[in-house]
Structures are given as C-alpha cells and as structure tokens.
Amino acid sequence: MKRKIQSKIKKEISFISKVRVRFVETDPLGIVWHGIYIQYFEDGREAFGRHHSISYLHQKEFGYATPIVKSMSEHKLPLRYGDVATIKTTYFDTRAAKMIFRYEIFNQDELLVCTGETVQVFIDQIGQGNLSLVIPEFFEKWKQKVGLSDD
C-alpha cells in the first residue's frame, strides 16, 4: 500500500495592513466611492510586497514590471469617512508566470466590506516590455525563500 506524502509547501501567504478612510475618498452619499477599493487593494499589495520583500521596487531591481491584467471587486458593506479598514492581502501560488492576489477588506467592527482579486503578469523592463511566459528566476527564488516552492 502506497502512502501519500503530505507536502509542507504552502499554497498562499498573506499580510494584514490598515488604511484610514480619507474625506476625498467618499462620494456625496458619505461612503467610499467604489473605485477607491482598487486603490485599497494596491495599498494592501504594497504593504504585502514590503513585508515579504517582493515590492515593485524589488521587481524593478531585476528588470521586471508586473502590470495588472485583471481586477474585480465585490462590495458587501460601505466604509465611511474616518473608518479604519483592515486589508488582508493574500498571494495565491500558481505555476504560471503571473501573480494572483485576493483581498478581503474589513471595517473596524471586523465585518467583511469588500472582496476582490487582481492578476499581474511579468514584463521585461529592460527590453521592449515583452511578456514573460516563464517565471522569472528572481521570483522563483523568492517563492522558495517564503516556502511556496521546493524546487
């Protein structure tokens, strides 16, 4: 009888950050305008990148940029001026040359306000901005470092 060996490789890693809602982010109804949530996703992604050493600046050092090719959001409850929101940003590992992030935004009562996802691809900054069809070496090394890969 063969036994399955359980992998200790993680499939995702997360980071929690906070943002205070500014007056300029609200609409005439006094709630955060729906387009601002994409900015909150970026705030979460930036905090994730700084914490896990994979920020846009880290990527740029290796000659890559990672533009967003897909974004989506679902709104559950409103945020209002002065609220402090918690952003949970989670990177989901994939074998493809892309970065998938999922987001959960909670209000100060810990109620789920918004969920979303973004997909980013790797492009070569040194050349003509060509799409990378294979995972860049620096990113593969990062995945190993944070326990997402054992290769």
N, C-alpha and C. Protein backbone atom coordinates (compact mmCIF):
# COMPACT_ATOMS: atom_id res chain seq x y z
N MET A 1 0.84 -1.17 0.00
CA MET A 1 0.00 0.00 0.00
C MET A 1 0.89 1.24 0.00
N LYS A 2 0.62 2.15 -0.94
CA LYS A 2 1.40 3.37 -1.03
C LYS A 2 0.77 4.46 -0.18
N ARG A 3 1.63 5.23 0.47
CA ARG A 3 1.17 6.35 1.28
C ARG A 3 1.41 7.64 0.54
N LYS A 4 0.48 8.54 0.68
CA LYS A 4 0.67 9.86 0.12
C LYS A 4 1.55 10.66 1.07
N ILE A 5 2.57 11.26 0.52
CA ILE A 5 3.43 12.12 1.32
C ILE A 5 2.83 13.51 1.29
N GLN A 6 2.51 14.02 2.48
CA GLN A 6 1.90 15.34 2.55
C GLN A 6 2.96 16.41 2.38
N SER A 7 2.72 17.30 1.47
CA SER A 7 3.65 18.39 1.17
C SER A 7 3.57 19.46 2.25
N LYS A 8 4.71 20.01 2.61
CA LYS A 8 4.76 21.11 3.56
C LYS A 8 4.86 22.45 2.83
N ILE A 9 4.69 22.40 1.52
CA ILE A 9 4.76 23.61 0.73
C ILE A 9 3.45 24.36 0.86
N LYS A 10 3.57 25.65 1.19
CA LYS A 10 2.38 26.50 1.30
C LYS A 10 1.85 26.81 -0.10
N LYS A 11 0.59 27.09 -0.19
CA LYS A 11 -0.04 27.49 -1.45
C LYS A 11 -0.40 28.96 -1.45
N GLU A 12 -0.27 29.60 -0.28
CA GLU A 12 -0.62 31.01 -0.18
C GLU A 12 0.10 31.63 1.01
N ILE A 13 0.31 32.94 0.92
CA ILE A 13 0.81 33.71 2.06
C ILE A 13 0.05 35.03 2.10
N SER A 14 -0.11 35.56 3.32
CA SER A 14 -0.92 36.76 3.50
C SER A 14 -0.19 37.82 4.30
N PHE A 15 -0.77 39.00 4.28
CA PHE A 15 -0.31 40.10 5.11
C PHE A 15 -1.51 40.99 5.41
N ILE A 16 -1.55 41.49 6.64
CA ILE A 16 -2.65 42.36 7.09
C ILE A 16 -2.11 43.78 7.21
N SER A 17 -2.84 44.73 6.64
CA SER A 17 -2.49 46.15 6.76
C SER A 17 -3.77 46.93 7.06
N LYS A 18 -3.59 48.19 7.41
CA LYS A 18 -4.73 49.04 7.73
C LYS A 18 -4.66 50.33 6.93
N VAL A 19 -5.84 50.91 6.69
CA VAL A 19 -5.93 52.19 6.00
C VAL A 19 -7.08 52.98 6.64
N ARG A 20 -6.85 54.28 6.83
CA ARG A 20 -7.92 55.15 7.34
C ARG A 20 -8.59 55.83 6.14
N VAL A 21 -9.90 55.79 6.10
CA VAL A 21 -10.66 56.39 5.01
C VAL A 21 -10.53 57.91 5.09
N ARG A 22 -10.09 58.50 3.98
CA ARG A 22 -9.95 59.95 3.89
C ARG A 22 -11.23 60.55 3.30
N PHE A 23 -11.47 61.83 3.62
CA PHE A 23 -12.67 62.51 3.14
C PHE A 23 -12.75 62.48 1.61
N VAL A 24 -11.63 62.69 0.94
CA VAL A 24 -11.59 62.75 -0.52
C VAL A 24 -12.01 61.42 -1.17
N GLU A 25 -12.00 60.34 -0.41
CA GLU A 25 -12.35 59.01 -0.95
C GLU A 25 -13.85 58.72 -0.88
N THR A 26 -14.61 59.65 -0.31
CA THR A 26 -16.05 59.42 -0.17
C THR A 26 -16.83 60.15 -1.26
N ASP A 27 -18.04 59.64 -1.51
CA ASP A 27 -18.91 60.24 -2.53
C ASP A 27 -19.99 61.09 -1.84
N PRO A 28 -20.91 61.68 -2.61
CA PRO A 28 -21.95 62.51 -1.99
C PRO A 28 -22.84 61.78 -0.98
N LEU A 29 -22.86 60.45 -1.03
CA LEU A 29 -23.63 59.68 -0.05
C LEU A 29 -22.88 59.52 1.27
N GLY A 30 -21.61 59.96 1.29
CA GLY A 30 -20.81 59.85 2.51
C GLY A 30 -20.14 58.50 2.68
N ILE A 31 -20.15 57.69 1.63
CA ILE A 31 -19.50 56.39 1.69
C ILE A 31 -18.34 56.36 0.70
N VAL A 32 -17.44 55.41 0.88
CA VAL A 32 -16.28 55.29 -0.01
C VAL A 32 -16.78 54.96 -1.42
N TRP A 33 -16.33 55.76 -2.39
CA TRP A 33 -16.67 55.54 -3.79
C TRP A 33 -16.10 54.19 -4.22
N HIS A 34 -16.86 53.42 -4.98
CA HIS A 34 -16.50 52.04 -5.31
C HIS A 34 -15.12 51.92 -5.98
N GLY A 35 -14.70 52.89 -6.77
CA GLY A 35 -13.40 52.82 -7.44
C GLY A 35 -12.21 52.91 -6.50
N ILE A 36 -12.43 53.44 -5.31
CA ILE A 36 -11.33 53.57 -4.33
C ILE A 36 -10.89 52.21 -3.81
N TYR A 37 -11.76 51.23 -3.82
CA TYR A 37 -11.39 49.92 -3.29
C TYR A 37 -10.22 49.31 -4.07
N ILE A 38 -10.14 49.60 -5.36
CA ILE A 38 -8.99 49.13 -6.15
C ILE A 38 -7.71 49.77 -5.61
N GLN A 39 -7.79 51.02 -5.20
CA GLN A 39 -6.64 51.70 -4.58
C GLN A 39 -6.30 51.04 -3.25
N TYR A 40 -7.32 50.65 -2.47
CA TYR A 40 -7.06 49.94 -1.22
C TYR A 40 -6.39 48.59 -1.48
N PHE A 41 -6.78 47.93 -2.58
CA PHE A 41 -6.11 46.69 -2.95
C PHE A 41 -4.62 46.97 -3.19
N GLU A 42 -4.33 48.06 -3.89
CA GLU A 42 -2.92 48.41 -4.14
C GLU A 42 -2.20 48.72 -2.83
N ASP A 43 -2.87 49.43 -1.93
CA ASP A 43 -2.26 49.70 -0.62
C ASP A 43 -1.90 48.38 0.07
N GLY A 44 -2.81 47.41 0.01
CA GLY A 44 -2.55 46.11 0.62
C GLY A 44 -1.41 45.38 -0.08
N ARG A 45 -1.40 45.45 -1.41
CA ARG A 45 -0.34 44.78 -2.20
C ARG A 45 1.01 45.39 -1.92
N GLU A 46 1.06 46.72 -1.81
CA GLU A 46 2.32 47.41 -1.49
C GLU A 46 2.83 47.00 -0.11
N ALA A 47 1.93 46.97 0.87
CA ALA A 47 2.33 46.55 2.23
C ALA A 47 2.80 45.10 2.24
N PHE A 48 2.08 44.24 1.51
CA PHE A 48 2.47 42.83 1.37
C PHE A 48 3.88 42.75 0.77
N GLY A 49 4.11 43.49 -0.31
CA GLY A 49 5.40 43.46 -1.00
C GLY A 49 6.55 43.93 -0.12
N ARG A 50 6.32 45.00 0.62
CA ARG A 50 7.38 45.49 1.53
C ARG A 50 7.67 44.45 2.61
N HIS A 51 6.60 43.87 3.17
CA HIS A 51 6.77 42.89 4.25
C HIS A 51 7.47 41.61 3.78
N HIS A 52 7.11 41.15 2.58
CA HIS A 52 7.63 39.87 2.08
C HIS A 52 8.78 40.05 1.07
N SER A 53 9.32 41.26 0.95
CA SER A 53 10.47 41.55 0.07
C SER A 53 10.20 41.20 -1.39
N ILE A 54 9.02 41.59 -1.89
CA ILE A 54 8.70 41.38 -3.30
C ILE A 54 7.92 42.59 -3.84
N SER A 55 8.30 43.78 -3.38
CA SER A 55 7.63 45.01 -3.80
C SER A 55 7.93 45.32 -5.25
N TYR A 56 7.25 46.34 -5.77
CA TYR A 56 7.51 46.78 -7.14
C TYR A 56 8.97 47.19 -7.30
N LEU A 57 9.54 47.80 -6.26
CA LEU A 57 10.95 48.20 -6.34
C LEU A 57 11.87 46.98 -6.40
N HIS A 58 11.54 45.93 -5.65
CA HIS A 58 12.33 44.69 -5.72
C HIS A 58 12.27 44.12 -7.14
N GLN A 59 11.09 44.10 -7.72
CA GLN A 59 10.92 43.56 -9.07
C GLN A 59 11.70 44.38 -10.09
N LYS A 60 11.66 45.69 -9.91
CA LYS A 60 12.36 46.59 -10.83
C LYS A 60 13.87 46.35 -10.80
N GLU A 61 14.41 46.03 -9.61
CA GLU A 61 15.85 45.74 -9.49
C GLU A 61 16.27 44.59 -10.42
N PHE A 62 15.35 43.69 -10.69
CA PHE A 62 15.63 42.54 -11.55
C PHE A 62 15.17 42.75 -12.99
N GLY A 63 14.75 43.98 -13.30
CA GLY A 63 14.40 44.33 -14.68
C GLY A 63 12.99 43.96 -15.09
N TYR A 64 12.08 43.80 -14.11
CA TYR A 64 10.71 43.41 -14.42
C TYR A 64 9.71 44.41 -13.87
N ALA A 65 8.57 44.47 -14.50
CA ALA A 65 7.40 45.16 -14.01
C ALA A 65 6.25 44.16 -14.02
N THR A 66 5.23 44.42 -13.22
CA THR A 66 4.10 43.49 -13.14
C THR A 66 2.78 44.24 -13.26
N PRO A 67 2.39 44.59 -14.48
CA PRO A 67 1.12 45.29 -14.66
C PRO A 67 -0.08 44.39 -14.37
N ILE A 68 -1.14 45.03 -13.93
CA ILE A 68 -2.38 44.31 -13.67
C ILE A 68 -3.10 44.07 -14.99
N VAL A 69 -3.51 42.82 -15.22
CA VAL A 69 -4.26 42.48 -16.43
C VAL A 69 -5.71 42.11 -16.12
N LYS A 70 -6.01 41.94 -14.82
CA LYS A 70 -7.38 41.62 -14.43
C LYS A 70 -7.61 42.14 -13.02
N SER A 71 -8.77 42.74 -12.80
CA SER A 71 -9.15 43.13 -11.44
C SER A 71 -10.65 42.99 -11.29
N MET A 72 -11.07 42.61 -10.09
CA MET A 72 -12.50 42.50 -9.81
C MET A 72 -12.72 42.79 -8.34
N SER A 73 -13.90 43.27 -8.05
CA SER A 73 -14.25 43.52 -6.65
C SER A 73 -15.74 43.28 -6.44
N GLU A 74 -16.07 42.86 -5.23
CA GLU A 74 -17.47 42.67 -4.81
C GLU A 74 -17.66 43.44 -3.51
N HIS A 75 -18.67 44.28 -3.51
CA HIS A 75 -18.91 45.16 -2.37
C HIS A 75 -20.04 44.62 -1.52
N LYS A 76 -19.78 44.53 -0.22
CA LYS A 76 -20.74 43.93 0.71
C LYS A 76 -21.38 44.98 1.62
N LEU A 77 -20.53 45.85 2.19
CA LEU A 77 -20.97 46.90 3.11
C LEU A 77 -20.16 48.16 2.81
N PRO A 78 -20.67 49.32 3.18
CA PRO A 78 -19.92 50.55 2.91
C PRO A 78 -18.89 50.87 3.99
N LEU A 79 -17.87 51.59 3.58
CA LEU A 79 -16.95 52.25 4.51
C LEU A 79 -17.28 53.73 4.47
N ARG A 80 -17.02 54.43 5.58
CA ARG A 80 -17.31 55.86 5.67
C ARG A 80 -16.07 56.64 6.10
N TYR A 81 -16.12 57.95 5.86
CA TYR A 81 -15.02 58.82 6.25
C TYR A 81 -14.63 58.57 7.71
N GLY A 82 -13.33 58.41 7.94
CA GLY A 82 -12.81 58.20 9.29
C GLY A 82 -12.70 56.75 9.71
N ASP A 83 -13.39 55.85 9.02
CA ASP A 83 -13.28 54.42 9.36
C ASP A 83 -11.84 53.94 9.17
N VAL A 84 -11.45 52.99 9.98
CA VAL A 84 -10.16 52.33 9.79
C VAL A 84 -10.45 50.93 9.26
N ALA A 85 -10.00 50.69 8.04
CA ALA A 85 -10.26 49.40 7.39
C ALA A 85 -9.03 48.51 7.50
N THR A 86 -9.27 47.22 7.62
CA THR A 86 -8.21 46.21 7.63
C THR A 86 -8.22 45.52 6.28
N ILE A 87 -7.06 45.46 5.65
CA ILE A 87 -6.93 44.82 4.35
C ILE A 87 -6.11 43.54 4.51
N LYS A 88 -6.72 42.41 4.20
CA LYS A 88 -5.98 41.15 4.18
C LYS A 88 -5.65 40.86 2.71
N THR A 89 -4.36 40.87 2.42
CA THR A 89 -3.88 40.62 1.06
C THR A 89 -3.23 39.25 1.04
N THR A 90 -3.70 38.39 0.14
CA THR A 90 -3.20 37.01 0.07
C THR A 90 -2.69 36.73 -1.34
N TYR A 91 -1.45 36.27 -1.41
CA TYR A 91 -0.87 35.82 -2.69
C TYR A 91 -1.18 34.33 -2.81
N PHE A 92 -1.75 33.93 -3.95
CA PHE A 92 -2.03 32.53 -4.24
C PHE A 92 -1.03 32.02 -5.26
N ASP A 93 -0.33 30.98 -4.90
CA ASP A 93 0.72 30.45 -5.77
C ASP A 93 0.12 29.80 -7.02
N THR A 94 0.86 29.93 -8.11
CA THR A 94 0.47 29.32 -9.37
C THR A 94 1.74 28.92 -10.12
N ARG A 95 1.63 27.96 -11.01
CA ARG A 95 2.79 27.54 -11.82
C ARG A 95 3.00 28.46 -13.01
N ALA A 96 2.02 29.31 -13.29
CA ALA A 96 2.13 30.24 -14.42
C ALA A 96 2.96 31.47 -14.03
N ALA A 97 3.44 32.17 -15.03
CA ALA A 97 4.25 33.38 -14.82
C ALA A 97 3.32 34.56 -14.56
N LYS A 98 2.66 34.52 -13.41
CA LYS A 98 1.77 35.61 -13.01
C LYS A 98 1.63 35.62 -11.50
N MET A 99 1.10 36.72 -11.00
CA MET A 99 0.86 36.88 -9.56
C MET A 99 -0.65 37.06 -9.36
N ILE A 100 -1.22 36.22 -8.51
CA ILE A 100 -2.65 36.31 -8.20
C ILE A 100 -2.78 36.73 -6.74
N PHE A 101 -3.45 37.86 -6.54
CA PHE A 101 -3.71 38.35 -5.19
C PHE A 101 -5.21 38.39 -4.96
N ARG A 102 -5.61 37.99 -3.75
CA ARG A 102 -7.01 38.12 -3.34
C ARG A 102 -7.04 39.01 -2.10
N TYR A 103 -8.13 39.74 -1.99
CA TYR A 103 -8.24 40.75 -0.95
C TYR A 103 -9.53 40.58 -0.17
N GLU A 104 -9.45 40.84 1.11
CA GLU A 104 -10.62 40.94 1.97
C GLU A 104 -10.43 42.23 2.76
N ILE A 105 -11.42 43.10 2.70
CA ILE A 105 -11.38 44.36 3.44
C ILE A 105 -12.47 44.30 4.51
N PHE A 106 -12.08 44.60 5.73
CA PHE A 106 -12.99 44.56 6.88
C PHE A 106 -13.11 45.95 7.48
N ASN A 107 -14.28 46.26 8.03
CA ASN A 107 -14.43 47.54 8.74
C ASN A 107 -13.93 47.38 10.18
N GLN A 108 -14.04 48.45 10.96
CA GLN A 108 -13.50 48.39 12.32
C GLN A 108 -14.30 47.48 13.24
N ASP A 109 -15.49 47.07 12.81
CA ASP A 109 -16.27 46.08 13.56
C ASP A 109 -15.97 44.66 13.10
N GLU A 110 -14.94 44.53 12.24
CA GLU A 110 -14.49 43.25 11.70
C GLU A 110 -15.52 42.58 10.79
N LEU A 111 -16.38 43.40 10.18
CA LEU A 111 -17.34 42.89 9.21
C LEU A 111 -16.74 43.01 7.82
N LEU A 112 -16.99 42.00 6.99
CA LEU A 112 -16.45 41.98 5.63
C LEU A 112 -17.14 43.05 4.78
N VAL A 113 -16.34 43.94 4.22
CA VAL A 113 -16.83 45.07 3.44
C VAL A 113 -16.70 44.81 1.94
N CYS A 114 -15.57 44.25 1.54
CA CYS A 114 -15.29 44.09 0.11
C CYS A 114 -14.33 42.92 -0.09
N THR A 115 -14.51 42.20 -1.17
CA THR A 115 -13.55 41.17 -1.58
C THR A 115 -13.11 41.48 -3.00
N GLY A 116 -11.97 40.98 -3.37
CA GLY A 116 -11.51 41.21 -4.73
C GLY A 116 -10.33 40.36 -5.11
N GLU A 117 -9.92 40.52 -6.36
CA GLU A 117 -8.79 39.76 -6.89
C GLU A 117 -8.13 40.59 -7.98
N THR A 118 -6.81 40.49 -8.03
CA THR A 118 -6.06 41.06 -9.16
C THR A 118 -5.11 40.00 -9.69
N VAL A 119 -4.84 40.09 -10.99
CA VAL A 119 -3.87 39.22 -11.64
C VAL A 119 -2.85 40.12 -12.32
N GLN A 120 -1.57 39.84 -12.08
CA GLN A 120 -0.48 40.60 -12.68
C GLN A 120 0.42 39.65 -13.45
N VAL A 121 0.98 40.16 -14.54
CA VAL A 121 1.91 39.38 -15.34
C VAL A 121 3.28 40.05 -15.28
N PHE A 122 4.30 39.31 -15.66
CA PHE A 122 5.67 39.83 -15.69
C PHE A 122 6.00 40.34 -17.08
N ILE A 123 6.51 41.56 -17.15
CA ILE A 123 7.03 42.07 -18.41
C ILE A 123 8.46 42.52 -18.19
N ASP A 124 9.24 42.40 -19.24
CA ASP A 124 10.66 42.76 -19.27
C ASP A 124 10.78 44.27 -19.40
N GLN A 125 11.31 44.93 -18.39
CA GLN A 125 11.50 46.38 -18.44
C GLN A 125 12.74 46.77 -19.24
N ILE A 126 13.69 45.89 -19.32
CA ILE A 126 14.95 46.20 -19.99
C ILE A 126 14.74 46.27 -21.50
N GLY A 127 13.98 45.36 -22.03
CA GLY A 127 13.74 45.32 -23.48
C GLY A 127 12.56 46.18 -23.87
N GLN A 128 11.66 45.60 -24.60
CA GLN A 128 10.50 46.30 -25.14
C GLN A 128 9.23 46.08 -24.31
N GLY A 129 9.37 45.65 -23.09
CA GLY A 129 8.18 45.37 -22.28
C GLY A 129 7.51 44.08 -22.71
N ASN A 130 8.32 43.10 -23.12
CA ASN A 130 7.77 41.82 -23.59
C ASN A 130 7.23 41.01 -22.42
N LEU A 131 6.14 40.33 -22.69
CA LEU A 131 5.52 39.45 -21.71
C LEU A 131 6.42 38.25 -21.45
N SER A 132 6.64 37.95 -20.18
CA SER A 132 7.43 36.77 -19.81
C SER A 132 6.50 35.57 -19.71
N LEU A 133 6.78 34.53 -20.47
CA LEU A 133 5.96 33.33 -20.46
C LEU A 133 6.45 32.30 -19.45
N VAL A 134 7.61 32.54 -18.87
CA VAL A 134 8.15 31.67 -17.83
C VAL A 134 8.37 32.51 -16.57
N ILE A 135 8.32 31.85 -15.43
CA ILE A 135 8.51 32.56 -14.16
C ILE A 135 9.94 33.06 -14.10
N PRO A 136 10.13 34.36 -13.88
CA PRO A 136 11.50 34.89 -13.77
C PRO A 136 12.26 34.24 -12.62
N GLU A 137 13.57 34.09 -12.81
CA GLU A 137 14.41 33.42 -11.82
C GLU A 137 14.31 34.06 -10.44
N PHE A 138 14.31 35.39 -10.38
CA PHE A 138 14.26 36.07 -9.08
C PHE A 138 12.96 35.73 -8.35
N PHE A 139 11.87 35.56 -9.10
CA PHE A 139 10.58 35.27 -8.48
C PHE A 139 10.53 33.82 -8.00
N GLU A 140 11.12 32.92 -8.77
CA GLU A 140 11.20 31.52 -8.34
C GLU A 140 12.01 31.42 -7.04
N LYS A 141 13.11 32.17 -6.96
CA LYS A 141 13.92 32.17 -5.73
C LYS A 141 13.13 32.74 -4.55
N TRP A 142 12.35 33.79 -4.82
CA TRP A 142 11.52 34.37 -3.76
C TRP A 142 10.50 33.34 -3.26
N LYS A 143 9.88 32.61 -4.19
CA LYS A 143 8.90 31.60 -3.80
C LYS A 143 9.54 30.52 -2.92
N GLN A 144 10.77 30.14 -3.24
CA GLN A 144 11.49 29.17 -2.43
C GLN A 144 11.75 29.75 -1.03
N LYS A 145 12.18 30.98 -0.99
CA LYS A 145 12.52 31.65 0.27
C LYS A 145 11.34 31.72 1.22
N VAL A 146 10.12 31.97 0.69
CA VAL A 146 8.96 32.11 1.55
C VAL A 146 8.18 30.80 1.71
N GLY A 147 8.71 29.69 1.17
CA GLY A 147 8.11 28.38 1.38
C GLY A 147 6.99 28.01 0.42
N LEU A 148 6.94 28.67 -0.74
CA LEU A 148 5.92 28.35 -1.73
C LEU A 148 6.40 27.36 -2.76
N SER A 149 7.69 27.02 -2.73
CA SER A 149 8.25 26.11 -3.73
C SER A 149 9.41 25.36 -3.08
N ASP A 150 9.63 24.14 -3.52
CA ASP A 150 10.77 23.37 -3.01
C ASP A 150 11.76 23.03 -4.12
N ASP A 151 11.55 23.59 -5.31
CA ASP A 151 12.42 23.29 -6.46
C ASP A 151 13.82 23.82 -6.23
